[in-house]
Amino acid sequence: MAFEFAMLYDVEKCTACRGCQVACKQWKNLPAEKTPFDGEYQSHKNLSSKTYTLVRMKETVVDNKVRWDFLKYQCMHCGVPECMNACPENAVSKNEYGIVTINEDMCVGCGLCELSCMFGIPHVNSSDKKSKKCNMCIDRVEKFISSGYNRKYLPACAKTCTSEAIYFGTREEMVTLAKKRLEELKQKYPDACTYNVETDNSRGGGAMMYV
């Protein structure tokens, strides 16, 4: 029996070390991108065909104190993927685990997936004319499942996270964990909330969740 899987990102635990970015680059063998320094510490302005994971950093001043807000940004693996619906070649698919992938052999680089995604995730590579994005390390996930959930096969970003801000497991496990963390966080942050936790895949939710 196949189970839907999900990744949960705990914003409060993230230290913006960007280890997830490095791990993603290494596992996917993605090239580095030169980015100019414009006074901010966010490394890339956005995702690209060479960068699938990005830690967004926002600096604000609250009560005369500088505050940093961090957010891990990657494919949301939507329950109803608009990129998949828009693809004329059926190159985008969602498997039984809830992970959305792109078959590059079928992709013709039309860019409709890029235009249709409300999160701005897929990007067509200018060299090979193929659309690229996070596939949640599907090769590692398959080994994770076949090995009886051996944690050494977690998606690269989750495996490398030193602050344990990234969790991966069955969707049921992640929903339970998210609700538990929300109760804890509300004691300190009354406005704390979750995203993509209450809505399952059949109703438009996705495999990427936040608390």
N, C-alpha and C. Protein backbone atom coordinates (compact mmCIF):
# COMPACT_ATOMS: atom_id res chain seq x y z
N MET A 1 0.84 -1.20 0.00
CA MET A 1 0.00 0.00 0.00
C MET A 1 0.87 1.25 0.00
N ALA A 2 0.59 2.19 -0.86
CA ALA A 2 1.36 3.43 -0.95
C ALA A 2 0.78 4.48 -0.01
N PHE A 3 1.65 5.26 0.57
CA PHE A 3 1.23 6.33 1.46
C PHE A 3 1.66 7.66 0.87
N GLU A 4 0.89 8.69 1.15
CA GLU A 4 1.32 10.02 0.77
C GLU A 4 2.35 10.49 1.78
N PHE A 5 3.39 11.12 1.28
CA PHE A 5 4.44 11.64 2.14
C PHE A 5 4.43 13.16 2.09
N ALA A 6 5.07 13.76 3.07
CA ALA A 6 5.09 15.22 3.14
C ALA A 6 6.35 15.68 3.85
N MET A 7 6.69 16.93 3.58
CA MET A 7 7.80 17.59 4.26
C MET A 7 7.23 18.73 5.07
N LEU A 8 7.69 18.85 6.30
CA LEU A 8 7.23 19.92 7.20
C LEU A 8 8.41 20.81 7.54
N TYR A 9 8.24 22.10 7.31
CA TYR A 9 9.28 23.07 7.63
C TYR A 9 8.84 23.88 8.84
N ASP A 10 9.65 23.87 9.90
CA ASP A 10 9.36 24.59 11.13
C ASP A 10 10.10 25.93 11.10
N VAL A 11 9.38 27.00 10.81
CA VAL A 11 9.99 28.31 10.63
C VAL A 11 10.72 28.76 11.90
N GLU A 12 10.15 28.45 13.06
CA GLU A 12 10.71 28.93 14.32
C GLU A 12 12.08 28.30 14.60
N LYS A 13 12.32 27.11 14.12
CA LYS A 13 13.58 26.42 14.38
C LYS A 13 14.69 26.78 13.39
N CYS A 14 14.32 27.33 12.26
CA CYS A 14 15.30 27.61 11.21
C CYS A 14 16.28 28.71 11.64
N THR A 15 17.58 28.48 11.40
CA THR A 15 18.61 29.47 11.72
C THR A 15 19.18 30.11 10.45
N ALA A 16 18.62 29.77 9.31
CA ALA A 16 19.08 30.31 8.02
C ALA A 16 20.54 29.98 7.75
N CYS A 17 20.97 28.81 8.18
CA CYS A 17 22.36 28.40 7.90
C CYS A 17 22.57 28.11 6.42
N ARG A 18 21.46 27.82 5.72
CA ARG A 18 21.45 27.53 4.28
C ARG A 18 22.12 26.21 3.93
N GLY A 19 22.25 25.35 4.94
CA GLY A 19 22.77 24.02 4.67
C GLY A 19 21.89 23.26 3.70
N CYS A 20 20.58 23.53 3.75
CA CYS A 20 19.65 22.86 2.84
C CYS A 20 19.92 23.25 1.40
N GLN A 21 20.30 24.51 1.19
CA GLN A 21 20.63 24.97 -0.16
C GLN A 21 21.86 24.24 -0.69
N VAL A 22 22.87 24.13 0.15
CA VAL A 22 24.11 23.48 -0.25
C VAL A 22 23.87 21.99 -0.52
N ALA A 23 23.11 21.34 0.37
CA ALA A 23 22.84 19.91 0.21
C ALA A 23 22.08 19.63 -1.07
N CYS A 24 21.14 20.51 -1.39
CA CYS A 24 20.36 20.37 -2.62
C CYS A 24 21.28 20.49 -3.83
N LYS A 25 22.14 21.49 -3.82
CA LYS A 25 23.08 21.68 -4.93
C LYS A 25 23.98 20.46 -5.09
N GLN A 26 24.48 19.95 -3.98
CA GLN A 26 25.41 18.83 -4.03
C GLN A 26 24.73 17.56 -4.54
N TRP A 27 23.55 17.24 -3.99
CA TRP A 27 22.90 16.00 -4.37
C TRP A 27 22.44 16.04 -5.83
N LYS A 28 21.99 17.19 -6.26
CA LYS A 28 21.50 17.34 -7.63
C LYS A 28 22.61 17.69 -8.61
N ASN A 29 23.82 17.87 -8.09
CA ASN A 29 24.96 18.24 -8.93
C ASN A 29 24.66 19.50 -9.74
N LEU A 30 24.12 20.50 -9.04
CA LEU A 30 23.75 21.76 -9.68
C LEU A 30 24.91 22.76 -9.61
N PRO A 31 25.15 23.49 -10.68
CA PRO A 31 26.25 24.46 -10.68
C PRO A 31 25.96 25.67 -9.81
N ALA A 32 27.03 26.32 -9.37
CA ALA A 32 26.88 27.55 -8.59
C ALA A 32 26.42 28.68 -9.51
N GLU A 33 25.79 29.67 -8.92
CA GLU A 33 25.37 30.86 -9.66
C GLU A 33 25.97 32.10 -9.01
N LYS A 34 26.61 32.93 -9.81
CA LYS A 34 27.16 34.16 -9.28
C LYS A 34 26.02 35.15 -9.03
N THR A 35 25.99 35.67 -7.82
CA THR A 35 24.95 36.64 -7.46
C THR A 35 25.60 37.88 -6.86
N PRO A 36 25.16 39.05 -7.24
CA PRO A 36 25.76 40.29 -6.71
C PRO A 36 25.33 40.55 -5.27
N PHE A 37 26.19 41.20 -4.52
CA PHE A 37 25.84 41.59 -3.16
C PHE A 37 25.24 42.99 -3.19
N ASP A 38 24.01 43.11 -2.75
CA ASP A 38 23.34 44.40 -2.80
C ASP A 38 22.94 44.90 -1.42
N GLY A 39 23.66 44.42 -0.41
CA GLY A 39 23.39 44.88 0.94
C GLY A 39 22.52 43.96 1.76
N GLU A 40 21.96 42.91 1.13
CA GLU A 40 21.13 41.95 1.84
C GLU A 40 21.85 40.60 1.89
N TYR A 41 21.44 39.77 2.83
CA TYR A 41 22.14 38.51 3.04
C TYR A 41 21.49 37.32 2.33
N GLN A 42 20.38 37.54 1.67
CA GLN A 42 19.79 36.45 0.88
C GLN A 42 20.71 36.18 -0.30
N SER A 43 21.07 34.92 -0.50
CA SER A 43 22.10 34.58 -1.49
C SER A 43 21.63 34.73 -2.93
N HIS A 44 20.40 34.31 -3.24
CA HIS A 44 19.86 34.40 -4.59
C HIS A 44 18.56 35.21 -4.54
N LYS A 45 18.28 35.90 -5.60
CA LYS A 45 17.04 36.67 -5.64
C LYS A 45 15.83 35.77 -5.75
N ASN A 46 16.00 34.63 -6.42
CA ASN A 46 14.86 33.74 -6.63
C ASN A 46 15.37 32.35 -7.01
N LEU A 47 14.45 31.42 -7.12
CA LEU A 47 14.78 30.11 -7.63
C LEU A 47 15.12 30.22 -9.12
N SER A 48 15.76 29.19 -9.65
CA SER A 48 16.11 29.19 -11.06
C SER A 48 16.23 27.75 -11.54
N SER A 49 16.63 27.57 -12.77
CA SER A 49 16.82 26.22 -13.30
C SER A 49 18.07 25.58 -12.72
N LYS A 50 18.84 26.34 -11.91
CA LYS A 50 20.05 25.82 -11.27
C LYS A 50 19.98 25.88 -9.75
N THR A 51 18.91 26.45 -9.23
CA THR A 51 18.72 26.56 -7.78
C THR A 51 17.31 26.14 -7.44
N TYR A 52 17.17 25.00 -6.75
CA TYR A 52 15.85 24.44 -6.46
C TYR A 52 15.36 24.76 -5.05
N THR A 53 16.28 25.16 -4.16
CA THR A 53 15.93 25.47 -2.78
C THR A 53 16.56 26.79 -2.40
N LEU A 54 15.79 27.64 -1.74
CA LEU A 54 16.28 28.96 -1.38
C LEU A 54 15.77 29.35 0.00
N VAL A 55 16.67 29.84 0.83
CA VAL A 55 16.25 30.40 2.12
C VAL A 55 16.06 31.89 1.93
N ARG A 56 14.83 32.32 1.98
CA ARG A 56 14.53 33.74 1.85
C ARG A 56 14.75 34.42 3.20
N MET A 57 15.33 35.61 3.16
CA MET A 57 15.66 36.33 4.38
C MET A 57 15.09 37.75 4.31
N LYS A 58 14.38 38.13 5.33
CA LYS A 58 13.77 39.46 5.38
C LYS A 58 14.19 40.16 6.66
N GLU A 59 14.74 41.34 6.50
CA GLU A 59 15.19 42.11 7.66
C GLU A 59 14.20 43.23 7.95
N THR A 60 13.71 43.28 9.17
CA THR A 60 12.78 44.33 9.59
C THR A 60 13.24 44.90 10.92
N VAL A 61 12.74 46.07 11.26
CA VAL A 61 13.06 46.69 12.54
C VAL A 61 11.78 46.75 13.37
N VAL A 62 11.80 46.11 14.53
CA VAL A 62 10.65 46.08 15.44
C VAL A 62 11.10 46.60 16.80
N ASP A 63 10.46 47.64 17.26
CA ASP A 63 10.83 48.26 18.55
C ASP A 63 12.31 48.61 18.59
N ASN A 64 12.78 49.20 17.48
CA ASN A 64 14.18 49.63 17.36
C ASN A 64 15.18 48.48 17.42
N LYS A 65 14.69 47.27 17.18
CA LYS A 65 15.57 46.11 17.14
C LYS A 65 15.44 45.42 15.78
N VAL A 66 16.58 45.01 15.25
CA VAL A 66 16.58 44.33 13.96
C VAL A 66 16.08 42.90 14.14
N ARG A 67 15.16 42.50 13.26
CA ARG A 67 14.62 41.15 13.33
C ARG A 67 14.78 40.48 11.98
N TRP A 68 15.23 39.23 12.01
CA TRP A 68 15.37 38.45 10.78
C TRP A 68 14.24 37.44 10.69
N ASP A 69 13.63 37.36 9.53
CA ASP A 69 12.63 36.33 9.26
C ASP A 69 13.17 35.45 8.15
N PHE A 70 13.11 34.14 8.36
CA PHE A 70 13.63 33.18 7.40
C PHE A 70 12.52 32.32 6.84
N LEU A 71 12.67 31.87 5.61
CA LEU A 71 11.68 30.99 5.01
C LEU A 71 12.34 30.10 3.95
N LYS A 72 12.23 28.81 4.13
CA LYS A 72 12.72 27.87 3.12
C LYS A 72 11.71 27.84 1.98
N TYR A 73 12.22 28.03 0.78
CA TYR A 73 11.34 28.18 -0.38
C TYR A 73 11.72 27.17 -1.44
N GLN A 74 10.75 26.38 -1.89
CA GLN A 74 10.98 25.35 -2.89
C GLN A 74 9.63 24.93 -3.46
N CYS A 75 9.61 23.94 -4.32
CA CYS A 75 8.36 23.45 -4.88
C CYS A 75 7.41 23.03 -3.77
N MET A 76 6.14 23.40 -3.90
CA MET A 76 5.14 23.07 -2.90
C MET A 76 4.52 21.69 -3.13
N HIS A 77 4.82 21.07 -4.27
CA HIS A 77 4.26 19.74 -4.60
C HIS A 77 2.75 19.74 -4.33
N CYS A 78 2.09 20.63 -5.04
CA CYS A 78 0.66 20.89 -4.84
C CYS A 78 -0.21 19.64 -5.00
N GLY A 79 -1.32 19.64 -4.27
CA GLY A 79 -2.27 18.55 -4.41
C GLY A 79 -2.91 18.55 -5.78
N VAL A 80 -3.16 19.74 -6.31
CA VAL A 80 -3.68 19.91 -7.67
C VAL A 80 -2.68 20.80 -8.40
N PRO A 81 -1.63 20.23 -8.98
CA PRO A 81 -0.54 21.02 -9.57
C PRO A 81 -0.97 21.71 -10.87
N GLU A 82 -0.94 23.03 -10.87
CA GLU A 82 -1.27 23.77 -12.08
C GLU A 82 -0.22 23.57 -13.16
N CYS A 83 1.02 23.33 -12.75
CA CYS A 83 2.08 23.07 -13.73
C CYS A 83 1.76 21.79 -14.52
N MET A 84 1.22 20.81 -13.83
CA MET A 84 0.85 19.54 -14.47
C MET A 84 -0.34 19.75 -15.40
N ASN A 85 -1.31 20.52 -14.94
CA ASN A 85 -2.50 20.77 -15.76
C ASN A 85 -2.16 21.56 -17.01
N ALA A 86 -1.14 22.42 -16.92
CA ALA A 86 -0.79 23.29 -18.05
C ALA A 86 0.12 22.60 -19.07
N CYS A 87 0.81 21.55 -18.67
CA CYS A 87 1.80 20.92 -19.56
C CYS A 87 1.13 20.21 -20.74
N PRO A 88 1.40 20.62 -21.97
CA PRO A 88 0.77 20.01 -23.14
C PRO A 88 1.37 18.65 -23.51
N GLU A 89 2.52 18.33 -22.92
CA GLU A 89 3.22 17.08 -23.25
C GLU A 89 3.09 16.02 -22.17
N ASN A 90 2.32 16.32 -21.12
CA ASN A 90 2.18 15.41 -19.98
C ASN A 90 3.53 15.05 -19.36
N ALA A 91 4.44 16.03 -19.37
CA ALA A 91 5.77 15.80 -18.82
C ALA A 91 5.80 15.97 -17.30
N VAL A 92 4.77 16.62 -16.76
CA VAL A 92 4.70 16.84 -15.32
C VAL A 92 3.68 15.87 -14.72
N SER A 93 4.07 15.19 -13.68
CA SER A 93 3.16 14.22 -13.06
C SER A 93 3.29 14.24 -11.55
N LYS A 94 2.28 13.72 -10.90
CA LYS A 94 2.28 13.60 -9.45
C LYS A 94 2.16 12.12 -9.11
N ASN A 95 3.12 11.57 -8.37
CA ASN A 95 3.10 10.13 -8.10
C ASN A 95 2.26 9.79 -6.87
N GLU A 96 2.24 8.51 -6.57
CA GLU A 96 1.40 8.04 -5.47
C GLU A 96 1.87 8.54 -4.10
N TYR A 97 3.08 9.05 -4.02
CA TYR A 97 3.59 9.57 -2.76
C TYR A 97 3.25 11.04 -2.55
N GLY A 98 2.64 11.67 -3.57
CA GLY A 98 2.29 13.08 -3.46
C GLY A 98 3.37 14.02 -3.97
N ILE A 99 4.39 13.46 -4.65
CA ILE A 99 5.51 14.25 -5.14
C ILE A 99 5.31 14.58 -6.62
N VAL A 100 5.50 15.84 -6.97
CA VAL A 100 5.34 16.31 -8.35
C VAL A 100 6.71 16.34 -9.04
N THR A 101 6.82 15.65 -10.16
CA THR A 101 8.10 15.58 -10.87
C THR A 101 7.93 15.96 -12.34
N ILE A 102 9.06 16.28 -12.97
CA ILE A 102 9.09 16.62 -14.39
C ILE A 102 9.93 15.59 -15.13
N ASN A 103 9.34 14.97 -16.14
CA ASN A 103 10.07 14.03 -16.99
C ASN A 103 10.75 14.85 -18.09
N GLU A 104 12.05 15.05 -17.95
CA GLU A 104 12.77 15.91 -18.89
C GLU A 104 12.82 15.33 -20.30
N ASP A 105 12.69 14.01 -20.41
CA ASP A 105 12.68 13.40 -21.75
C ASP A 105 11.44 13.82 -22.53
N MET A 106 10.35 14.11 -21.81
CA MET A 106 9.11 14.51 -22.45
C MET A 106 8.95 16.02 -22.55
N CYS A 107 9.71 16.76 -21.74
CA CYS A 107 9.60 18.22 -21.70
C CYS A 107 10.14 18.83 -22.99
N VAL A 108 9.39 19.79 -23.54
CA VAL A 108 9.81 20.48 -24.76
C VAL A 108 10.23 21.93 -24.48
N GLY A 109 10.22 22.30 -23.20
CA GLY A 109 10.68 23.64 -22.83
C GLY A 109 9.75 24.76 -23.22
N CYS A 110 8.46 24.50 -23.30
CA CYS A 110 7.51 25.54 -23.72
C CYS A 110 7.32 26.62 -22.66
N GLY A 111 7.59 26.27 -21.39
CA GLY A 111 7.49 27.25 -20.31
C GLY A 111 6.11 27.46 -19.74
N LEU A 112 5.12 26.68 -20.18
CA LEU A 112 3.77 26.86 -19.66
C LEU A 112 3.68 26.51 -18.17
N CYS A 113 4.49 25.56 -17.75
CA CYS A 113 4.50 25.21 -16.32
C CYS A 113 5.00 26.38 -15.49
N GLU A 114 6.00 27.06 -16.03
CA GLU A 114 6.56 28.23 -15.35
C GLU A 114 5.53 29.35 -15.25
N LEU A 115 4.78 29.56 -16.29
CA LEU A 115 3.78 30.62 -16.31
C LEU A 115 2.57 30.31 -15.44
N SER A 116 2.24 29.03 -15.31
CA SER A 116 1.02 28.64 -14.60
C SER A 116 1.22 28.50 -13.09
N CYS A 117 2.46 28.34 -12.64
CA CYS A 117 2.70 28.10 -11.21
C CYS A 117 2.54 29.38 -10.41
N MET A 118 1.63 29.39 -9.45
CA MET A 118 1.38 30.57 -8.64
C MET A 118 2.53 30.88 -7.70
N PHE A 119 3.41 29.89 -7.47
CA PHE A 119 4.54 30.10 -6.58
C PHE A 119 5.83 30.44 -7.34
N GLY A 120 5.77 30.41 -8.66
CA GLY A 120 6.95 30.74 -9.45
C GLY A 120 8.07 29.73 -9.31
N ILE A 121 7.74 28.45 -9.32
CA ILE A 121 8.74 27.42 -9.04
C ILE A 121 9.50 26.91 -10.26
N PRO A 122 8.85 26.32 -11.26
CA PRO A 122 9.62 25.75 -12.39
C PRO A 122 10.32 26.85 -13.19
N HIS A 123 11.48 26.52 -13.73
CA HIS A 123 12.20 27.44 -14.61
C HIS A 123 12.82 26.64 -15.75
N VAL A 124 12.65 27.13 -16.96
CA VAL A 124 13.22 26.45 -18.13
C VAL A 124 14.69 26.82 -18.26
N ASN A 125 15.53 25.80 -18.35
CA ASN A 125 16.96 26.01 -18.50
C ASN A 125 17.27 26.51 -19.91
N SER A 126 18.05 27.56 -20.01
CA SER A 126 18.33 28.15 -21.32
C SER A 126 19.24 27.28 -22.18
N SER A 127 19.97 26.35 -21.56
CA SER A 127 20.90 25.51 -22.31
C SER A 127 20.22 24.31 -22.95
N ASP A 128 19.55 23.50 -22.13
CA ASP A 128 18.94 22.28 -22.68
C ASP A 128 17.44 22.42 -22.95
N LYS A 129 16.88 23.61 -22.64
CA LYS A 129 15.45 23.88 -22.90
C LYS A 129 14.54 22.89 -22.17
N LYS A 130 14.92 22.54 -20.95
CA LYS A 130 14.12 21.65 -20.13
C LYS A 130 13.72 22.38 -18.85
N SER A 131 12.50 22.13 -18.39
CA SER A 131 12.02 22.75 -17.17
C SER A 131 12.60 22.03 -15.96
N LYS A 132 13.00 22.80 -14.95
CA LYS A 132 13.66 22.23 -13.77
C LYS A 132 12.97 22.71 -12.49
N LYS A 133 12.98 21.84 -11.49
CA LYS A 133 12.49 22.22 -10.16
C LYS A 133 12.80 21.11 -9.17
N CYS A 134 12.54 21.36 -7.92
CA CYS A 134 12.71 20.36 -6.86
C CYS A 134 11.78 19.17 -7.11
N ASN A 135 12.33 17.96 -6.97
CA ASN A 135 11.49 16.75 -7.05
C ASN A 135 11.49 16.02 -5.71
N MET A 136 11.80 16.76 -4.64
CA MET A 136 11.85 16.25 -3.28
C MET A 136 12.78 15.04 -3.16
N CYS A 137 13.82 15.04 -3.98
CA CYS A 137 14.80 13.95 -3.97
C CYS A 137 14.09 12.60 -4.08
N ILE A 138 13.29 12.44 -5.13
CA ILE A 138 12.48 11.23 -5.29
C ILE A 138 13.34 9.97 -5.26
N ASP A 139 14.59 10.04 -5.76
CA ASP A 139 15.46 8.88 -5.72
C ASP A 139 15.80 8.49 -4.28
N ARG A 140 16.02 9.47 -3.44
CA ARG A 140 16.28 9.19 -2.02
C ARG A 140 15.01 8.73 -1.31
N VAL A 141 13.87 9.34 -1.66
CA VAL A 141 12.60 8.95 -1.03
C VAL A 141 12.27 7.50 -1.32
N GLU A 142 12.51 7.06 -2.54
CA GLU A 142 12.23 5.66 -2.88
C GLU A 142 13.09 4.71 -2.05
N LYS A 143 14.35 5.10 -1.81
CA LYS A 143 15.22 4.27 -0.95
C LYS A 143 14.77 4.36 0.50
N PHE A 144 14.29 5.53 0.90
CA PHE A 144 13.78 5.73 2.26
C PHE A 144 12.63 4.77 2.52
N ILE A 145 11.75 4.64 1.55
CA ILE A 145 10.59 3.76 1.69
C ILE A 145 11.00 2.29 1.65
N SER A 146 11.81 1.92 0.66
CA SER A 146 12.20 0.52 0.50
C SER A 146 13.08 0.02 1.64
N SER A 147 13.76 0.95 2.34
CA SER A 147 14.64 0.56 3.45
C SER A 147 13.90 0.51 4.79
N GLY A 148 12.60 0.73 4.75
CA GLY A 148 11.84 0.73 6.00
C GLY A 148 12.00 2.03 6.76
N TYR A 149 12.09 3.14 6.01
CA TYR A 149 12.19 4.48 6.57
C TYR A 149 13.54 4.74 7.26
N ASN A 150 14.60 4.27 6.63
CA ASN A 150 15.95 4.56 7.13
C ASN A 150 16.24 6.04 6.92
N ARG A 151 16.54 6.76 8.00
CA ARG A 151 16.67 8.21 7.93
C ARG A 151 17.87 8.69 7.11
N LYS A 152 18.79 7.83 6.82
CA LYS A 152 19.93 8.28 6.02
C LYS A 152 19.52 8.54 4.58
N TYR A 153 18.30 8.12 4.21
CA TYR A 153 17.79 8.35 2.86
C TYR A 153 16.74 9.46 2.81
N LEU A 154 16.68 10.27 3.85
CA LEU A 154 15.77 11.42 3.82
C LEU A 154 16.16 12.34 2.66
N PRO A 155 15.22 13.16 2.16
CA PRO A 155 15.60 14.15 1.16
C PRO A 155 16.81 14.94 1.65
N ALA A 156 17.66 15.34 0.72
CA ALA A 156 18.95 15.95 1.09
C ALA A 156 18.80 17.12 2.04
N CYS A 157 17.81 17.99 1.81
CA CYS A 157 17.65 19.17 2.67
C CYS A 157 17.28 18.77 4.10
N ALA A 158 16.40 17.78 4.23
CA ALA A 158 15.98 17.32 5.56
C ALA A 158 17.11 16.58 6.27
N LYS A 159 17.88 15.82 5.51
CA LYS A 159 18.97 15.04 6.09
C LYS A 159 20.05 15.95 6.66
N THR A 160 20.29 17.09 6.01
CA THR A 160 21.42 17.95 6.42
C THR A 160 21.05 19.02 7.42
N CYS A 161 19.77 19.27 7.66
CA CYS A 161 19.34 20.37 8.51
C CYS A 161 19.83 20.20 9.95
N THR A 162 20.73 21.07 10.39
CA THR A 162 21.34 20.94 11.72
C THR A 162 20.42 21.40 12.85
N SER A 163 19.44 22.22 12.52
CA SER A 163 18.54 22.72 13.56
C SER A 163 17.25 21.91 13.64
N GLU A 164 17.17 20.85 12.85
CA GLU A 164 15.99 19.98 12.83
C GLU A 164 14.73 20.78 12.54
N ALA A 165 14.84 21.68 11.57
CA ALA A 165 13.69 22.48 11.17
C ALA A 165 12.93 21.84 10.02
N ILE A 166 13.50 20.81 9.41
CA ILE A 166 12.89 20.15 8.26
C ILE A 166 12.60 18.69 8.61
N TYR A 167 11.34 18.32 8.53
CA TYR A 167 10.93 16.95 8.84
C TYR A 167 10.37 16.29 7.57
N PHE A 168 10.48 14.99 7.51
CA PHE A 168 9.92 14.26 6.37
C PHE A 168 9.38 12.92 6.86
N GLY A 169 8.20 12.57 6.35
CA GLY A 169 7.59 11.29 6.72
C GLY A 169 6.24 11.17 6.04
N THR A 170 5.40 10.28 6.52
CA THR A 170 4.08 10.16 5.95
C THR A 170 3.31 11.45 6.24
N ARG A 171 2.36 11.74 5.38
CA ARG A 171 1.58 12.98 5.58
C ARG A 171 0.87 12.95 6.94
N GLU A 172 0.39 11.80 7.32
CA GLU A 172 -0.30 11.67 8.60
C GLU A 172 0.63 12.04 9.75
N GLU A 173 1.88 11.56 9.68
CA GLU A 173 2.86 11.88 10.72
C GLU A 173 3.17 13.37 10.75
N MET A 174 3.32 13.97 9.58
CA MET A 174 3.65 15.38 9.51
C MET A 174 2.51 16.27 10.00
N VAL A 175 1.27 15.87 9.71
CA VAL A 175 0.11 16.63 10.19
C VAL A 175 0.07 16.60 11.71
N THR A 176 0.28 15.41 12.28
CA THR A 176 0.29 15.27 13.74
C THR A 176 1.38 16.11 14.37
N LEU A 177 2.58 16.07 13.77
CA LEU A 177 3.70 16.85 14.29
C LEU A 177 3.44 18.34 14.18
N ALA A 178 2.88 18.77 13.06
CA ALA A 178 2.60 20.19 12.85
C ALA A 178 1.61 20.71 13.89
N LYS A 179 0.58 19.94 14.16
CA LYS A 179 -0.42 20.37 15.14
C LYS A 179 0.17 20.45 16.55
N LYS A 180 1.06 19.50 16.85
CA LYS A 180 1.71 19.50 18.16
C LYS A 180 2.61 20.73 18.30
N ARG A 181 3.39 21.01 17.26
CA ARG A 181 4.28 22.17 17.28
C ARG A 181 3.48 23.47 17.36
N LEU A 182 2.33 23.51 16.69
CA LEU A 182 1.51 24.71 16.71
C LEU A 182 1.04 25.01 18.13
N GLU A 183 0.63 23.99 18.86
CA GLU A 183 0.20 24.19 20.24
C GLU A 183 1.34 24.75 21.09
N GLU A 184 2.55 24.24 20.85
CA GLU A 184 3.71 24.73 21.60
C GLU A 184 4.03 26.18 21.24
N LEU A 185 3.99 26.48 19.96
CA LEU A 185 4.36 27.82 19.50
C LEU A 185 3.35 28.88 19.91
N LYS A 186 2.09 28.49 19.97
CA LYS A 186 1.05 29.47 20.34
C LYS A 186 1.23 30.01 21.76
N GLN A 187 1.91 29.26 22.60
CA GLN A 187 2.17 29.73 23.95
C GLN A 187 3.12 30.94 23.95
N LYS A 188 3.99 30.98 22.95
CA LYS A 188 4.94 32.08 22.82
C LYS A 188 4.53 33.07 21.74
N TYR A 189 3.93 32.53 20.67
CA TYR A 189 3.49 33.37 19.55
C TYR A 189 2.00 33.10 19.30
N PRO A 190 1.12 33.90 19.88
CA PRO A 190 -0.33 33.66 19.78
C PRO A 190 -0.85 33.60 18.34
N ASP A 191 -0.16 34.28 17.42
CA ASP A 191 -0.61 34.32 16.03
C ASP A 191 0.00 33.20 15.18
N ALA A 192 0.70 32.28 15.80
CA ALA A 192 1.32 31.18 15.05
C ALA A 192 0.25 30.40 14.28
N CYS A 193 0.63 29.88 13.12
CA CYS A 193 -0.34 29.15 12.30
C CYS A 193 0.39 28.11 11.45
N THR A 194 -0.37 27.32 10.74
CA THR A 194 0.19 26.33 9.84
C THR A 194 -0.25 26.65 8.41
N TYR A 195 0.44 26.05 7.45
CA TYR A 195 0.06 26.20 6.05
C TYR A 195 0.12 24.84 5.37
N ASN A 196 -0.94 24.51 4.67
CA ASN A 196 -1.06 23.25 3.93
C ASN A 196 -1.23 22.03 4.83
N VAL A 197 -1.51 22.25 6.08
CA VAL A 197 -1.65 21.14 7.02
C VAL A 197 -3.08 20.62 7.06
N GLU A 198 -4.04 21.51 7.12
CA GLU A 198 -5.43 21.11 7.27
C GLU A 198 -6.05 20.60 5.97
N THR A 199 -5.48 21.00 4.83
CA THR A 199 -6.05 20.62 3.54
C THR A 199 -5.29 19.46 2.95
N ASP A 200 -5.95 18.32 2.75
CA ASP A 200 -5.25 17.16 2.19
C ASP A 200 -5.11 17.30 0.68
N ASN A 201 -4.35 16.39 0.08
CA ASN A 201 -4.04 16.48 -1.34
C ASN A 201 -5.28 16.44 -2.23
N SER A 202 -6.28 15.69 -1.83
CA SER A 202 -7.47 15.54 -2.66
C SER A 202 -8.26 16.84 -2.75
N ARG A 203 -8.03 17.75 -1.81
CA ARG A 203 -8.75 19.03 -1.79
C ARG A 203 -7.84 20.20 -2.12
N GLY A 204 -6.69 19.91 -2.72
CA GLY A 204 -5.82 21.00 -3.15
C GLY A 204 -4.63 21.27 -2.28
N GLY A 205 -4.44 20.50 -1.19
CA GLY A 205 -3.27 20.68 -0.36
C GLY A 205 -2.03 20.21 -1.09
N GLY A 206 -0.92 20.12 -0.40
CA GLY A 206 0.30 19.68 -1.04
C GLY A 206 1.20 18.92 -0.10
N ALA A 207 2.34 18.48 -0.63
CA ALA A 207 3.27 17.68 0.15
C ALA A 207 4.28 18.55 0.91
N MET A 208 4.20 19.86 0.72
CA MET A 208 5.10 20.77 1.46
C MET A 208 4.26 21.56 2.46
N MET A 209 4.58 21.42 3.76
CA MET A 209 3.79 22.05 4.80
C MET A 209 4.67 22.94 5.68
N TYR A 210 4.04 23.92 6.30
CA TYR A 210 4.76 24.87 7.15
C TYR A 210 4.07 25.01 8.51
N VAL A 211 4.89 25.28 9.54
CA VAL A 211 4.33 25.67 10.83
C VAL A 211 5.19 26.82 11.34
